[in-house]
Amino acid sequence: MPVYYPFLTLVSIVIFVWLGRRMALARNRNGLAWGIGGALLPPVLLVLWRLRPLTTEEGELDAPEAA
């Protein structure tokens, strides 16, 4: 196994985390959850790509309440 394979794996994971977070924030979704999902299973980003953006009211309903 070439030495650079682990490095390529790490770089691809970072790219998928960044892409998932960026796409989620553009659609008013949870960036952390979609970033982790993109890191663990990159095809999940296709699901995010097909989701419609949340409206402001829907985003407020999904946001955790501040105590």
N, C-alpha and C. Protein backbone atom coordinates (compact mmCIF):
# COMPACT_ATOMS: atom_id res chain seq x y z
N MET A 1 0.85 -1.18 0.00
CA MET A 1 0.00 0.00 0.00
C MET A 1 0.90 1.24 0.00
N PRO A 2 0.71 2.13 -0.98
CA PRO A 2 1.52 3.35 -1.01
C PRO A 2 1.28 4.22 0.23
N VAL A 3 2.29 4.97 0.56
CA VAL A 3 2.28 5.80 1.77
C VAL A 3 1.24 6.91 1.69
N TYR A 4 0.90 7.38 0.51
CA TYR A 4 0.01 8.53 0.38
C TYR A 4 -1.48 8.17 0.45
N TYR A 5 -1.85 6.91 0.49
CA TYR A 5 -3.26 6.54 0.58
C TYR A 5 -3.95 7.07 1.83
N PRO A 6 -3.37 6.95 3.01
CA PRO A 6 -4.03 7.52 4.19
C PRO A 6 -4.21 9.04 4.08
N PHE A 7 -3.24 9.70 3.48
CA PHE A 7 -3.35 11.15 3.29
C PHE A 7 -4.50 11.49 2.35
N LEU A 8 -4.63 10.75 1.26
CA LEU A 8 -5.74 10.98 0.32
C LEU A 8 -7.08 10.72 0.98
N THR A 9 -7.15 9.71 1.82
CA THR A 9 -8.39 9.42 2.55
C THR A 9 -8.76 10.58 3.47
N LEU A 10 -7.78 11.08 4.21
CA LEU A 10 -8.02 12.20 5.11
C LEU A 10 -8.47 13.45 4.35
N VAL A 11 -7.82 13.73 3.24
CA VAL A 11 -8.18 14.90 2.44
C VAL A 11 -9.60 14.76 1.89
N SER A 12 -9.97 13.57 1.41
CA SER A 12 -11.32 13.39 0.87
C SER A 12 -12.37 13.53 1.97
N ILE A 13 -12.09 13.04 3.18
CA ILE A 13 -13.03 13.18 4.28
C ILE A 13 -13.24 14.65 4.61
N VAL A 14 -12.16 15.41 4.67
CA VAL A 14 -12.26 16.85 4.96
C VAL A 14 -13.06 17.56 3.88
N ILE A 15 -12.85 17.21 2.64
CA ILE A 15 -13.60 17.84 1.54
C ILE A 15 -15.09 17.54 1.66
N PHE A 16 -15.44 16.28 1.98
CA PHE A 16 -16.85 15.93 2.10
C PHE A 16 -17.51 16.58 3.32
N VAL A 17 -16.77 16.75 4.41
CA VAL A 17 -17.31 17.47 5.57
C VAL A 17 -17.58 18.92 5.19
N TRP A 18 -16.64 19.55 4.54
CA TRP A 18 -16.80 20.95 4.13
C TRP A 18 -17.97 21.09 3.16
N LEU A 19 -18.06 20.20 2.19
CA LEU A 19 -19.13 20.27 1.20
C LEU A 19 -20.49 20.05 1.85
N GLY A 20 -20.60 19.07 2.74
CA GLY A 20 -21.86 18.82 3.43
C GLY A 20 -22.30 20.00 4.28
N ARG A 21 -21.36 20.60 5.00
CA ARG A 21 -21.68 21.77 5.84
C ARG A 21 -22.12 22.94 4.98
N ARG A 22 -21.40 23.18 3.90
CA ARG A 22 -21.72 24.31 3.01
C ARG A 22 -23.11 24.14 2.38
N MET A 23 -23.40 22.95 1.90
CA MET A 23 -24.70 22.69 1.29
C MET A 23 -25.81 22.81 2.32
N ALA A 24 -25.59 22.30 3.53
CA ALA A 24 -26.62 22.34 4.57
C ALA A 24 -26.91 23.77 4.99
N LEU A 25 -25.90 24.57 5.17
CA LEU A 25 -26.12 25.96 5.57
C LEU A 25 -26.84 26.74 4.48
N ALA A 26 -26.59 26.42 3.22
CA ALA A 26 -27.27 27.08 2.11
C ALA A 26 -28.75 26.73 2.08
N ARG A 27 -29.10 25.58 2.67
CA ARG A 27 -30.50 25.13 2.69
C ARG A 27 -31.14 25.27 4.07
N ASN A 28 -30.51 26.03 4.95
CA ASN A 28 -31.00 26.25 6.32
C ASN A 28 -31.19 24.94 7.08
N ARG A 29 -30.26 24.02 6.92
CA ARG A 29 -30.27 22.74 7.62
C ARG A 29 -29.13 22.70 8.64
N ASN A 30 -29.06 21.65 9.43
CA ASN A 30 -28.04 21.50 10.46
C ASN A 30 -26.70 21.16 9.79
N GLY A 31 -25.77 22.12 9.80
CA GLY A 31 -24.49 21.95 9.14
C GLY A 31 -23.62 20.88 9.78
N LEU A 32 -23.65 20.76 11.10
CA LEU A 32 -22.83 19.77 11.78
C LEU A 32 -23.29 18.36 11.44
N ALA A 33 -24.57 18.12 11.51
CA ALA A 33 -25.10 16.77 11.22
C ALA A 33 -24.84 16.36 9.78
N TRP A 34 -25.06 17.26 8.85
CA TRP A 34 -24.84 16.93 7.44
C TRP A 34 -23.36 16.83 7.11
N GLY A 35 -22.52 17.58 7.82
CA GLY A 35 -21.08 17.45 7.62
C GLY A 35 -20.58 16.09 8.08
N ILE A 36 -21.05 15.65 9.24
CA ILE A 36 -20.66 14.32 9.74
C ILE A 36 -21.22 13.23 8.82
N GLY A 37 -22.45 13.41 8.38
CA GLY A 37 -23.03 12.45 7.44
C GLY A 37 -22.25 12.36 6.15
N GLY A 38 -21.79 13.50 5.66
CA GLY A 38 -20.99 13.51 4.44
C GLY A 38 -19.63 12.87 4.63
N ALA A 39 -19.06 12.98 5.83
CA ALA A 39 -17.77 12.35 6.12
C ALA A 39 -17.91 10.84 6.19
N LEU A 40 -18.97 10.37 6.84
CA LEU A 40 -19.15 8.93 7.03
C LEU A 40 -19.67 8.23 5.78
N LEU A 41 -20.56 8.89 5.06
CA LEU A 41 -21.17 8.28 3.89
C LEU A 41 -21.39 9.37 2.83
N PRO A 42 -20.40 9.63 1.97
CA PRO A 42 -20.51 10.73 1.01
C PRO A 42 -21.76 10.73 0.13
N PRO A 43 -22.35 9.57 -0.26
CA PRO A 43 -23.57 9.64 -1.07
C PRO A 43 -24.75 10.32 -0.37
N VAL A 44 -24.68 10.48 0.97
CA VAL A 44 -25.76 11.18 1.67
C VAL A 44 -25.84 12.63 1.20
N LEU A 45 -24.78 13.16 0.64
CA LEU A 45 -24.81 14.53 0.12
C LEU A 45 -25.75 14.65 -1.07
N LEU A 46 -25.98 13.56 -1.78
CA LEU A 46 -26.95 13.59 -2.87
C LEU A 46 -28.36 13.82 -2.34
N VAL A 47 -28.65 13.25 -1.17
CA VAL A 47 -29.95 13.48 -0.54
C VAL A 47 -30.09 14.95 -0.18
N LEU A 48 -29.06 15.50 0.42
CA LEU A 48 -29.08 16.91 0.80
C LEU A 48 -29.23 17.81 -0.42
N TRP A 49 -28.59 17.45 -1.50
CA TRP A 49 -28.66 18.24 -2.73
C TRP A 49 -30.09 18.29 -3.27
N ARG A 50 -30.85 17.22 -3.08
CA ARG A 50 -32.22 17.15 -3.59
C ARG A 50 -33.25 17.79 -2.64
N LEU A 51 -32.89 18.03 -1.37
CA LEU A 51 -33.83 18.63 -0.43
C LEU A 51 -34.04 20.10 -0.75
N ARG A 52 -35.26 20.55 -0.53
CA ARG A 52 -35.55 21.95 -0.75
C ARG A 52 -35.08 22.76 0.46
N PRO A 53 -34.74 24.03 0.27
CA PRO A 53 -34.36 24.86 1.43
C PRO A 53 -35.54 25.04 2.38
N LEU A 54 -35.23 25.07 3.67
CA LEU A 54 -36.26 25.32 4.67
C LEU A 54 -36.61 26.80 4.68
N THR A 55 -37.88 27.08 4.91
CA THR A 55 -38.28 28.47 5.08
C THR A 55 -37.86 28.92 6.47
N THR A 56 -37.96 30.21 6.75
CA THR A 56 -37.56 30.74 8.04
C THR A 56 -38.39 30.12 9.16
N GLU A 57 -39.69 29.96 8.93
CA GLU A 57 -40.55 29.38 9.96
C GLU A 57 -40.18 27.92 10.23
N GLU A 58 -39.92 27.16 9.19
CA GLU A 58 -39.54 25.76 9.36
C GLU A 58 -38.19 25.64 10.07
N GLY A 59 -37.28 26.53 9.74
CA GLY A 59 -35.97 26.52 10.38
C GLY A 59 -36.07 26.83 11.86
N GLU A 60 -36.98 27.72 12.23
CA GLU A 60 -37.17 28.04 13.64
C GLU A 60 -37.80 26.87 14.40
N LEU A 61 -38.66 26.11 13.73
CA LEU A 61 -39.28 24.96 14.39
C LEU A 61 -38.26 23.85 14.64
N ASP A 62 -37.27 23.69 13.74
CA ASP A 62 -36.26 22.64 13.89
C ASP A 62 -35.14 23.06 14.83
N ALA A 63 -34.99 24.34 15.09
CA ALA A 63 -33.89 24.82 15.94
C ALA A 63 -34.18 24.47 17.39
N PRO A 64 -33.13 24.08 18.13
CA PRO A 64 -33.35 23.78 19.55
C PRO A 64 -33.69 25.05 20.32
N GLU A 65 -34.57 24.91 21.30
CA GLU A 65 -34.99 26.05 22.11
C GLU A 65 -33.89 26.49 23.06
N ALA A 66 -33.69 27.79 23.18
CA ALA A 66 -32.73 28.31 24.14
C ALA A 66 -33.41 28.41 25.50
N ALA A 67 -32.82 27.77 26.48
CA ALA A 67 -33.45 27.73 27.82
C ALA A 67 -33.14 28.97 28.61
